[in-house]
Amino acid sequence: MATGLMGDQVFLDLRVTYVIYPKDGTDMSQTAIIEEKVTAHAVPATVYTSRTETVGINFWLAVLSHASADILAVELAHEISSIYPQLAKDSYNPRYDTIRQATCIDFQDTPEPPDSTIDHLVFVCQEKGKLLQEYKGRYYYDNADPVLGRDIPVYIVDTGATLAHKDFDRIRNQVEWIHVGQDIGGGNANDDSGTDPNPDPNLRYDLGKAHGTGMLSLVTGAQMGVSKGVKPYLVRVPRRAVPSDTNGQFGQPTNEDWLEGISKVNDHLAGKSKETRAILLLAIHIPRSMFMRDGIDKSDGFAARMRFLLKDLVSKGVLPVTGTGNNTQTGTVIDGFPANYGRKDYDPIPEILVVGGVHSTVFALCSQTDFDHGLPHIFAPGAGVKCADGNCAAAITVGLAAYFLRLAQIGHLKIDKSPLGLKNYIISNGLKWSRADHKGRELPAIWNGVRLPEPSPS
């Protein structure tokens, strides 16, 4: 039952936005019952149904009194998984061949003068036993296809991107936009929803964090990207507020926006596939604690629906990649979404790849870990990356996954091309190797498999 500190009746009559999750969003008879009941109790104009084209209903939003929500929780006990107030704040390991070294190994230099460093790319190509300094700021890669990750579909559920940036010159015209909801004030924009759409250069305030822009650049930016020519699908969550010097808000989307964004990918991809045909970047970590209401965990509906959507995507040939969260002060337990689906004790989705972060040059741990439950599966640069704050490690690993998948598609890399096969290749003992941090902890991290060419005799 909903409770509050104000007078009981006043509290029960208070109307707020509730989230209602069905037990099975694909069961039309079940969802029809829920819809009828919710509509009867809610302010009709406030009812929003997150209805997909192919995978049923995600959830409903509705303005309800706390008393009505309590009634619905009883009347729909057999149909709904969760109802709560919305708050505005395993595994086959095959033997793989490594990349054939018969083709020329090419490299990308740090620009001179350097307007952006590529330490994270040097990390990606760093061979075990070699020092970063031996690379002289160069990113080495196998150019069997000189356009790394060429045409590999990558879905990025994030805040969109500011495509005018020069790092996107190569892929700007290849981007396709998929929008979630509507921006504050209505409509959508092909921009980064974490920023102010009309910044005043005369005002000194934080314009918000262009998270999606940073993630896209690490996947496939001309200078910053591990891959260089993927096919990007930007699933943009809406701008919920405009950053300003007065309200200090950053257009933060709701948890339901992120879930609906994933379902947009389910709708966009038709048919099943045993081979990987797309990669999904979820550079987010939503702690379970965000679903606590009056000391009760209300995450069941959200967690079950996200699991369903991700399993459906895997069946369609999608490799989902996510991070562990950036807060290293939360102890040694990871309990959030979507990382939980990679936990050994959480009925895991075997295909999901959960990536932790280390500093790109000093290898210091910079993300949450939960080694007792098998997380993360691997590490990648998550700090010392100039272009972005956020789950950089997941984005960098998505770029690497696209690079490997393209080499496999052209027959240059002999691996199991299923989502599980691609994940297992990335985290295989023949590829990953441990960088030790200042505390001596072994942190197994990504490598692109390219061996540093021997210097030419003088």
Protein backbone atom coordinates (compact mmCIF):
# COMPACT_ATOMS: atom_id res chain seq x y z
CA MET A 1 0.00 0.00 0.00
CA ALA A 2 1.19 3.51 -0.74
CA THR A 3 2.08 5.48 2.37
CA GLY A 4 3.08 9.04 3.11
CA LEU A 5 3.97 11.53 5.82
CA MET A 6 1.04 13.91 5.26
CA GLY A 7 -2.50 13.24 6.47
CA ASP A 8 -3.62 9.80 5.29
CA GLN A 9 -6.62 10.96 3.27
CA VAL A 10 -4.80 13.89 1.73
CA PHE A 11 -1.97 11.56 0.70
CA LEU A 12 -4.32 8.91 -0.71
CA ASP A 13 -6.09 11.53 -2.81
CA LEU A 14 -2.82 12.93 -4.18
CA ARG A 15 -2.44 12.24 -7.92
CA VAL A 16 0.97 11.39 -9.38
CA THR A 17 2.29 9.53 -12.43
CA TYR A 18 2.40 5.77 -11.91
CA VAL A 19 4.18 3.11 -13.98
CA ILE A 20 2.31 -0.17 -14.55
CA TYR A 21 4.10 -3.24 -15.93
CA PRO A 22 2.18 -6.29 -17.24
CA LYS A 23 3.36 -9.79 -16.37
CA ASP A 24 3.30 -10.62 -20.07
CA GLY A 25 3.14 -7.69 -22.45
CA THR A 26 2.55 -10.03 -25.41
CA ASP A 27 -0.64 -11.52 -23.90
CA MET A 28 -3.38 -9.45 -25.52
CA SER A 29 -6.16 -10.69 -23.23
CA GLN A 30 -4.07 -9.80 -20.17
CA THR A 31 -3.10 -6.38 -21.43
CA ALA A 32 -6.71 -5.60 -22.43
CA ILE A 33 -7.84 -6.21 -18.84
CA ILE A 34 -5.11 -3.95 -17.50
CA GLU A 35 -5.89 -1.21 -19.99
CA GLU A 36 -9.58 -1.20 -19.13
CA LYS A 37 -8.93 -0.98 -15.39
CA VAL A 38 -6.23 1.67 -15.66
CA THR A 39 -8.38 3.84 -17.90
CA ALA A 40 -11.28 3.58 -15.45
CA HIS A 41 -9.18 4.84 -12.53
CA ALA A 42 -6.83 7.33 -14.20
CA VAL A 43 -7.23 10.79 -15.60
CA PRO A 44 -7.97 9.55 -19.17
CA ALA A 45 -5.85 12.11 -21.00
CA THR A 46 -2.82 11.11 -18.92
CA VAL A 47 -2.77 7.42 -19.88
CA TYR A 48 0.22 6.56 -22.07
CA THR A 49 0.59 3.04 -23.49
CA SER A 50 4.11 2.03 -24.51
CA ARG A 51 2.86 -0.17 -27.32
CA THR A 52 5.36 -1.76 -29.71
CA GLU A 53 4.79 -3.02 -33.24
CA THR A 54 6.16 -6.54 -32.71
CA VAL A 55 6.68 -7.37 -29.02
CA GLY A 56 3.51 -6.26 -27.28
CA ILE A 57 3.21 -3.65 -24.55
CA ASN A 58 6.12 -2.48 -22.42
CA PHE A 59 4.23 -0.55 -19.74
CA TRP A 60 1.62 2.11 -19.06
CA LEU A 61 2.03 5.54 -17.53
CA ALA A 62 -1.01 7.07 -15.88
CA VAL A 63 -1.81 9.83 -13.42
CA LEU A 64 -3.51 8.08 -10.49
CA SER A 65 -4.33 8.88 -6.92
CA HIS A 66 -2.42 6.74 -4.45
CA ALA A 67 -5.77 5.26 -3.38
CA SER A 68 -6.59 4.23 -6.96
CA ALA A 69 -3.13 2.71 -7.37
CA ASP A 70 -3.71 0.60 -4.25
CA ILE A 71 -7.03 -0.60 -5.69
CA LEU A 72 -5.43 -1.49 -9.03
CA ALA A 73 -2.65 -3.41 -7.28
CA VAL A 74 -5.34 -5.66 -5.75
CA GLU A 75 -7.71 -5.90 -8.73
CA LEU A 76 -4.88 -6.65 -11.18
CA ALA A 77 -2.76 -8.86 -8.93
CA HIS A 78 -2.83 -11.67 -11.53
CA GLU A 79 -2.09 -9.41 -14.50
CA ILE A 80 0.50 -6.86 -13.42
CA SER A 81 4.08 -7.35 -12.32
CA SER A 82 4.71 -3.91 -10.82
CA ILE A 83 2.91 -0.67 -10.12
CA TYR A 84 4.76 2.23 -8.53
CA PRO A 85 5.06 6.01 -8.68
CA GLN A 86 7.43 7.27 -11.35
CA LEU A 87 10.12 9.45 -9.86
CA ALA A 88 11.49 12.47 -11.76
CA LYS A 89 15.19 11.80 -10.92
CA ASP A 90 27.17 -18.98 -19.38
CA SER A 91 28.97 -21.02 -21.52
CA TYR A 92 30.29 -22.36 -24.73
CA ASN A 93 33.93 -21.39 -25.16
CA PRO A 94 35.14 -22.75 -28.52
CA ARG A 95 38.69 -22.61 -29.77
CA TYR A 96 39.28 -19.69 -32.08
CA ASP A 97 41.80 -18.77 -34.69
CA THR A 98 43.40 -15.39 -34.21
CA ILE A 99 43.52 -12.85 -37.00
CA ARG A 100 45.83 -13.89 -39.82
CA GLN A 101 48.83 -11.63 -39.99
CA ALA A 102 49.27 -12.12 -43.77
CA THR A 103 47.76 -8.77 -44.65
CA CYS A 104 49.37 -5.44 -44.04
CA ILE A 105 49.01 -3.98 -40.58
CA ASP A 106 48.17 -0.32 -40.86
CA PHE A 107 48.11 2.37 -38.23
CA GLN A 108 46.57 5.69 -37.31
CA ASP A 109 48.79 8.41 -35.88
CA THR A 110 47.90 10.87 -33.20
CA PRO A 111 47.37 14.15 -35.07
CA GLU A 112 50.14 16.73 -34.91
CA PRO A 113 49.61 19.05 -33.26
CA PRO A 114 47.33 16.78 -31.21
CA ASP A 115 43.85 18.23 -30.96
CA SER A 116 42.70 14.96 -29.42
CA THR A 117 44.76 12.11 -28.00
CA ILE A 118 44.08 8.48 -28.92
CA ASP A 119 45.49 6.78 -25.83
CA HIS A 120 42.42 4.55 -25.67
CA LEU A 121 43.10 3.30 -29.22
CA VAL A 122 46.74 2.56 -28.40
CA PHE A 123 45.39 0.55 -25.43
CA VAL A 124 43.14 -1.45 -27.78
CA CYS A 125 46.09 -2.54 -29.94
CA GLN A 126 48.62 -2.96 -27.09
CA GLU A 127 50.16 -6.44 -27.27
CA LYS A 128 51.03 -8.31 -24.09
CA GLY A 129 54.66 -7.67 -23.21
CA LYS A 130 54.78 -4.35 -25.04
CA LEU A 131 54.84 -0.95 -23.39
CA LEU A 132 52.42 1.75 -24.46
CA GLN A 133 55.40 4.00 -25.24
CA GLU A 134 56.57 1.57 -27.94
CA TYR A 135 53.50 2.47 -29.98
CA LYS A 136 54.48 6.15 -30.27
CA GLY A 137 50.85 7.21 -30.16
CA ARG A 138 49.83 4.96 -33.06
CA TYR A 139 46.69 2.82 -33.31
CA TYR A 140 47.61 -0.39 -35.20
CA TYR A 141 44.91 -2.46 -36.87
CA ASP A 142 44.42 -5.15 -39.51
CA ASN A 143 43.42 -3.49 -42.76
CA ALA A 144 42.01 -6.55 -44.53
CA ASP A 145 39.16 -4.09 -44.88
CA PRO A 146 40.69 -0.62 -44.60
CA VAL A 147 37.37 0.82 -43.41
CA LEU A 148 37.23 -0.76 -39.98
CA GLY A 149 33.81 -2.19 -39.12
CA ARG A 150 32.48 -1.26 -42.56
CA ASP A 151 28.65 -1.29 -42.69
CA ILE A 152 28.20 -3.26 -39.45
CA PRO A 153 24.84 -2.17 -38.00
CA VAL A 154 25.30 -0.68 -34.54
CA TYR A 155 22.31 0.46 -32.52
CA ILE A 156 23.12 3.03 -29.86
CA VAL A 157 20.34 3.66 -27.37
CA ASP A 158 21.43 6.97 -25.92
CA THR A 159 20.89 10.70 -26.14
CA GLY A 160 21.51 10.92 -29.90
CA ALA A 161 24.52 12.86 -31.19
CA THR A 162 25.71 16.23 -32.43
CA LEU A 163 26.60 15.11 -35.95
CA ALA A 164 28.12 18.43 -36.98
CA HIS A 165 31.30 17.38 -35.15
CA LYS A 166 34.18 16.71 -37.56
CA ASP A 167 34.73 13.23 -36.06
CA PHE A 168 31.54 12.18 -37.87
CA ASP A 169 32.47 13.39 -41.37
CA ARG A 170 32.76 9.80 -42.66
CA ILE A 171 29.53 8.41 -41.22
CA ARG A 172 27.27 11.47 -40.97
CA ASN A 173 25.20 10.57 -44.02
CA GLN A 174 24.93 6.93 -42.92
CA VAL A 175 23.18 7.68 -39.63
CA GLU A 176 19.55 6.69 -39.20
CA TRP A 177 17.51 8.17 -36.38
CA ILE A 178 14.95 6.35 -34.25
CA HIS A 179 13.16 8.49 -31.70
CA VAL A 180 11.74 7.62 -28.30
CA GLY A 181 8.87 9.76 -27.07
CA GLN A 182 8.84 13.52 -27.52
CA ASP A 183 11.06 16.29 -26.29
CA ILE A 184 9.93 18.77 -23.72
CA GLY A 185 7.68 21.16 -25.60
CA GLY A 186 6.82 18.48 -28.19
CA GLY A 187 8.41 17.01 -31.28
CA ASN A 188 11.85 15.50 -31.77
CA ALA A 189 15.20 16.73 -32.98
CA ASN A 190 18.15 15.02 -34.65
CA ASP A 191 20.60 16.19 -32.01
CA ASP A 192 21.97 15.21 -28.61
CA SER A 193 19.13 15.42 -26.10
CA GLY A 194 21.58 15.91 -23.24
CA THR A 195 22.41 19.40 -24.48
CA ASP A 196 20.65 22.71 -24.79
CA PRO A 197 19.11 22.92 -28.28
CA ASN A 198 19.58 26.70 -28.40
CA PRO A 199 22.59 27.57 -26.26
CA ASP A 200 23.29 31.22 -25.58
CA PRO A 201 27.05 31.75 -25.97
CA ASN A 202 26.82 34.76 -23.66
CA LEU A 203 25.62 32.69 -20.73
CA ARG A 204 28.08 30.73 -18.64
CA TYR A 205 26.41 27.52 -17.65
CA ASP A 206 26.89 23.83 -18.23
CA LEU A 207 25.18 22.95 -21.50
CA GLY A 208 24.65 19.38 -20.32
CA LYS A 209 26.55 16.22 -21.11
CA ALA A 210 26.56 15.13 -24.75
CA HIS A 211 26.73 11.47 -23.70
CA GLY A 212 25.45 9.97 -26.95
CA THR A 213 27.86 12.09 -29.00
CA GLY A 214 30.79 10.74 -27.00
CA MET A 215 29.61 7.14 -27.28
CA LEU A 216 29.18 7.39 -31.07
CA SER A 217 32.66 8.89 -31.46
CA LEU A 218 34.26 6.00 -29.52
CA VAL A 219 32.45 3.41 -31.63
CA THR A 220 33.12 4.88 -35.06
CA GLY A 221 34.53 8.42 -34.99
CA ALA A 222 37.11 9.24 -37.67
CA GLN A 223 39.67 10.13 -35.01
CA MET A 224 38.36 8.58 -31.79
CA GLY A 225 36.59 5.43 -33.03
CA VAL A 226 37.85 1.86 -32.75
CA SER A 227 35.89 1.20 -35.93
CA LYS A 228 35.61 3.81 -38.66
CA GLY A 229 32.66 2.98 -40.88
CA VAL A 230 29.85 1.21 -39.05
CA LYS A 231 26.21 1.78 -39.96
CA PRO A 232 24.88 3.73 -36.96
CA TYR A 233 21.28 3.66 -35.78
CA LEU A 234 20.84 6.33 -33.14
CA VAL A 235 17.95 5.47 -30.85
CA ARG A 236 17.51 8.84 -29.20
CA VAL A 237 15.84 9.18 -25.82
CA PRO A 238 13.98 12.48 -25.43
CA ARG A 239 15.10 15.77 -23.96
CA ARG A 240 13.19 15.90 -20.68
CA ALA A 241 14.54 19.26 -19.56
CA VAL A 242 16.71 22.00 -21.00
CA PRO A 243 19.98 22.68 -19.18
CA SER A 244 20.11 26.19 -17.82
CA ASP A 245 21.86 28.35 -15.29
CA THR A 246 18.70 28.46 -13.19
CA ASN A 247 17.37 24.90 -12.97
CA GLY A 248 20.63 22.95 -13.23
CA GLN A 249 18.92 20.08 -15.06
CA PHE A 250 20.40 18.05 -17.89
CA GLY A 251 17.45 16.65 -19.80
CA GLN A 252 17.63 13.39 -17.88
CA PRO A 253 15.43 10.67 -19.45
CA THR A 254 13.32 8.31 -17.37
CA ASN A 255 14.07 4.62 -16.80
CA GLU A 256 11.06 3.87 -18.99
CA ASP A 257 12.57 5.93 -21.84
CA TRP A 258 15.61 3.63 -21.86
CA LEU A 259 13.41 0.53 -21.89
CA GLU A 260 11.26 1.88 -24.68
CA GLY A 261 14.43 2.69 -26.62
CA ILE A 262 15.47 -0.97 -26.52
CA SER A 263 12.02 -2.02 -27.75
CA LYS A 264 12.45 0.32 -30.75
CA VAL A 265 15.38 -1.90 -31.81
CA ASN A 266 13.16 -5.00 -31.45
CA ASP A 267 10.66 -3.39 -33.81
CA HIS A 268 13.32 -2.27 -36.28
CA LEU A 269 14.89 -5.73 -36.71
CA ALA A 270 12.72 -8.42 -38.30
CA GLY A 271 13.37 -12.16 -38.45
CA LYS A 272 15.65 -14.50 -36.56
CA SER A 273 19.37 -15.04 -37.12
CA LYS A 274 21.94 -17.40 -35.65
CA GLU A 275 24.75 -15.16 -36.87
CA THR A 276 25.45 -11.74 -35.47
CA ARG A 277 23.97 -9.10 -37.73
CA ALA A 278 23.98 -6.11 -35.39
CA ILE A 279 25.53 -4.85 -32.18
CA LEU A 280 23.62 -3.00 -29.49
CA LEU A 281 25.31 -0.45 -27.24
CA LEU A 282 23.62 0.19 -23.92
CA ALA A 283 26.07 2.54 -22.22
CA ILE A 284 23.83 2.79 -19.18
CA HIS A 285 23.64 1.31 -15.69
CA ILE A 286 20.37 1.70 -13.80
CA PRO A 287 20.80 0.63 -10.15
CA ARG A 288 18.07 -1.51 -8.66
CA SER A 289 17.89 1.01 -5.83
CA MET A 290 16.12 3.41 -8.22
CA PHE A 291 13.08 1.12 -8.03
CA MET A 292 12.74 1.14 -4.26
CA ARG A 293 9.47 2.63 -3.03
CA ASP A 294 8.78 2.82 0.72
CA GLY A 295 11.52 0.23 1.27
CA ILE A 296 9.98 -2.23 -1.23
CA ASP A 297 11.77 -3.37 -4.40
CA LYS A 298 9.49 -2.61 -7.35
CA SER A 299 11.97 -3.57 -10.11
CA ASP A 300 10.34 -6.89 -11.11
CA GLY A 301 8.31 -5.50 -13.99
CA PHE A 302 11.11 -3.41 -15.47
CA ALA A 303 13.67 -6.22 -15.05
CA ALA A 304 11.45 -8.90 -16.59
CA ARG A 305 10.55 -6.71 -19.56
CA MET A 306 14.15 -5.70 -20.29
CA ARG A 307 15.20 -9.37 -20.09
CA PHE A 308 12.45 -10.30 -22.57
CA LEU A 309 13.49 -7.58 -25.02
CA LEU A 310 17.19 -8.46 -24.86
CA LYS A 311 16.55 -12.19 -25.32
CA ASP A 312 14.37 -11.40 -28.33
CA LEU A 313 17.16 -9.27 -29.80
CA VAL A 314 19.73 -12.03 -29.26
CA SER A 315 17.43 -14.41 -31.17
CA LYS A 316 17.51 -11.88 -34.02
CA GLY A 317 21.32 -11.92 -34.12
CA VAL A 318 22.16 -8.98 -31.86
CA LEU A 319 25.14 -8.80 -29.50
CA PRO A 320 24.20 -6.57 -26.53
CA VAL A 321 27.07 -4.73 -24.83
CA THR A 322 26.77 -2.74 -21.62
CA GLY A 323 28.84 -1.33 -18.77
CA THR A 324 29.03 -1.89 -15.03
CA GLY A 325 28.55 1.68 -13.87
CA ASN A 326 31.14 4.31 -13.15
CA ASN A 327 30.93 4.54 -9.37
CA THR A 328 33.88 2.71 -7.76
CA GLN A 329 32.69 3.71 -4.29
CA THR A 330 29.67 1.38 -4.17
CA GLY A 331 31.61 -1.67 -2.94
CA THR A 332 32.05 -4.96 -4.75
CA VAL A 333 28.48 -5.71 -5.76
CA ILE A 334 26.87 -4.83 -9.08
CA ASP A 335 23.11 -4.75 -8.88
CA GLY A 336 21.65 -2.83 -11.78
CA PHE A 337 20.36 -3.08 -15.31
CA PRO A 338 21.25 -4.26 -17.87
CA ALA A 339 24.50 -5.50 -16.23
CA ASN A 340 22.59 -7.91 -13.96
CA TYR A 341 21.76 -10.11 -16.96
CA GLY A 342 25.48 -10.94 -17.09
CA ARG A 343 25.65 -12.01 -13.43
CA LYS A 344 26.24 -15.71 -12.80
CA ASP A 345 23.52 -15.80 -10.14
CA TYR A 346 20.85 -13.90 -12.07
CA ASP A 347 19.59 -16.44 -14.63
CA PRO A 348 22.02 -14.80 -17.04
CA ILE A 349 21.58 -14.04 -20.71
CA PRO A 350 24.77 -15.78 -21.93
CA GLU A 351 25.25 -13.48 -24.89
CA ILE A 352 25.30 -10.15 -23.08
CA LEU A 353 28.78 -8.65 -22.74
CA VAL A 354 29.40 -6.57 -19.62
CA VAL A 355 32.47 -4.35 -19.74
CA GLY A 356 34.30 -2.65 -16.90
CA GLY A 357 36.55 0.39 -17.14
CA VAL A 358 40.24 1.01 -16.47
CA HIS A 359 42.34 4.08 -17.13
CA SER A 360 43.78 4.02 -20.65
CA THR A 361 47.40 4.71 -19.61
CA VAL A 362 47.83 3.91 -15.89
CA PHE A 363 45.27 1.05 -15.83
CA ALA A 364 43.61 2.20 -12.61
CA LEU A 365 40.19 0.71 -11.99
CA CYS A 366 37.46 3.23 -12.76
CA SER A 367 34.22 1.24 -12.71
CA GLN A 368 32.17 -0.96 -10.45
CA THR A 369 33.17 -4.62 -10.12
CA ASP A 370 31.51 -7.76 -8.75
CA PHE A 371 34.08 -10.52 -9.25
CA ASP A 372 32.16 -12.92 -6.98
CA HIS A 373 29.32 -12.89 -9.50
CA GLY A 374 31.50 -12.86 -12.63
CA LEU A 375 31.34 -9.17 -13.51
CA PRO A 376 32.65 -7.57 -15.52
CA HIS A 377 33.45 -10.07 -18.26
CA ILE A 378 36.33 -7.91 -19.50
CA PHE A 379 37.83 -4.44 -19.12
CA ALA A 380 38.42 -1.65 -21.61
CA PRO A 381 39.46 2.01 -21.37
CA GLY A 382 36.95 3.88 -19.24
CA ALA A 383 39.00 6.88 -18.15
CA GLY A 384 41.80 8.89 -19.68
CA VAL A 385 39.54 9.11 -22.73
CA LYS A 386 39.38 12.69 -23.87
CA CYS A 387 36.11 12.73 -25.73
CA ALA A 388 33.54 11.58 -23.21
CA ASP A 389 32.29 10.91 -19.75
CA GLY A 390 30.15 7.83 -19.26
CA ASN A 391 30.40 4.14 -20.09
CA CYS A 392 33.33 4.66 -22.47
CA ALA A 393 34.52 1.06 -21.96
CA ALA A 394 31.29 -0.36 -23.38
CA ALA A 395 31.38 1.97 -26.40
CA ILE A 396 35.03 1.16 -27.16
CA THR A 397 34.24 -2.57 -26.94
CA VAL A 398 31.32 -2.16 -29.33
CA GLY A 399 33.71 -0.57 -31.83
CA LEU A 400 36.04 -3.56 -31.38
CA ALA A 401 33.16 -6.02 -31.81
CA ALA A 402 32.20 -4.33 -35.10
CA TYR A 403 35.86 -4.50 -36.24
CA PHE A 404 36.03 -8.25 -35.50
CA LEU A 405 32.62 -8.95 -37.05
CA ARG A 406 33.59 -7.25 -40.31
CA LEU A 407 36.84 -9.28 -40.49
CA ALA A 408 34.78 -12.44 -39.90
CA GLN A 409 32.27 -11.48 -42.59
CA ILE A 410 34.99 -11.16 -45.24
CA GLY A 411 36.51 -14.50 -44.19
CA HIS A 412 39.63 -13.01 -42.66
CA LEU A 413 38.81 -14.05 -39.11
CA LYS A 414 37.61 -17.60 -38.50
CA ILE A 415 35.27 -17.48 -35.53
CA ASP A 416 31.79 -18.53 -34.54
CA LYS A 417 29.77 -15.55 -35.78
CA SER A 418 26.84 -16.02 -33.40
CA PRO A 419 26.35 -13.33 -30.73
CA LEU A 420 27.68 -15.76 -28.11
CA GLY A 421 30.59 -16.70 -30.38
CA LEU A 422 31.55 -13.07 -30.94
CA LYS A 423 31.34 -12.31 -27.23
CA ASN A 424 33.41 -15.38 -26.35
CA TYR A 425 36.06 -14.40 -28.90
CA ILE A 426 36.43 -10.94 -27.39
CA ILE A 427 36.86 -12.39 -23.88
CA SER A 428 38.84 -15.50 -24.94
CA ASN A 429 42.12 -16.30 -23.17
CA GLY A 430 43.94 -16.20 -26.50
CA LEU A 431 43.00 -12.55 -26.93
CA LYS A 432 42.40 -10.76 -23.65
CA TRP A 433 45.28 -10.08 -21.29
CA SER A 434 45.57 -8.48 -17.90
CA ARG A 435 46.82 -5.01 -17.21
CA ALA A 436 47.72 -4.71 -13.53
CA ASP A 437 46.65 -1.56 -11.71
CA HIS A 438 48.62 0.25 -9.00
CA LYS A 439 47.22 -2.15 -6.39
CA GLY A 440 48.48 -5.18 -8.33
CA ARG A 441 44.99 -6.36 -9.29
CA GLU A 442 44.82 -8.32 -12.54
CA LEU A 443 42.25 -6.72 -14.81
CA PRO A 444 41.82 -8.76 -18.05
CA ALA A 445 41.25 -6.33 -20.88
CA ILE A 446 40.49 -6.16 -24.60
CA TRP A 447 43.03 -6.47 -27.43
CA ASN A 448 42.47 -6.30 -31.18
CA GLY A 449 44.91 -9.16 -31.86
CA VAL A 450 47.37 -7.12 -33.93
CA ARG A 451 51.06 -7.67 -33.19
CA LEU A 452 53.31 -4.64 -33.22
CA PRO A 453 55.43 -4.76 -36.40
CA GLU A 454 59.15 -5.17 -35.84
CA PRO A 455 61.09 -2.00 -36.62
CA SER A 456 62.68 -1.92 -40.05
CA PRO A 457 66.45 -2.46 -40.06
CA SER A 458 68.26 0.84 -40.38
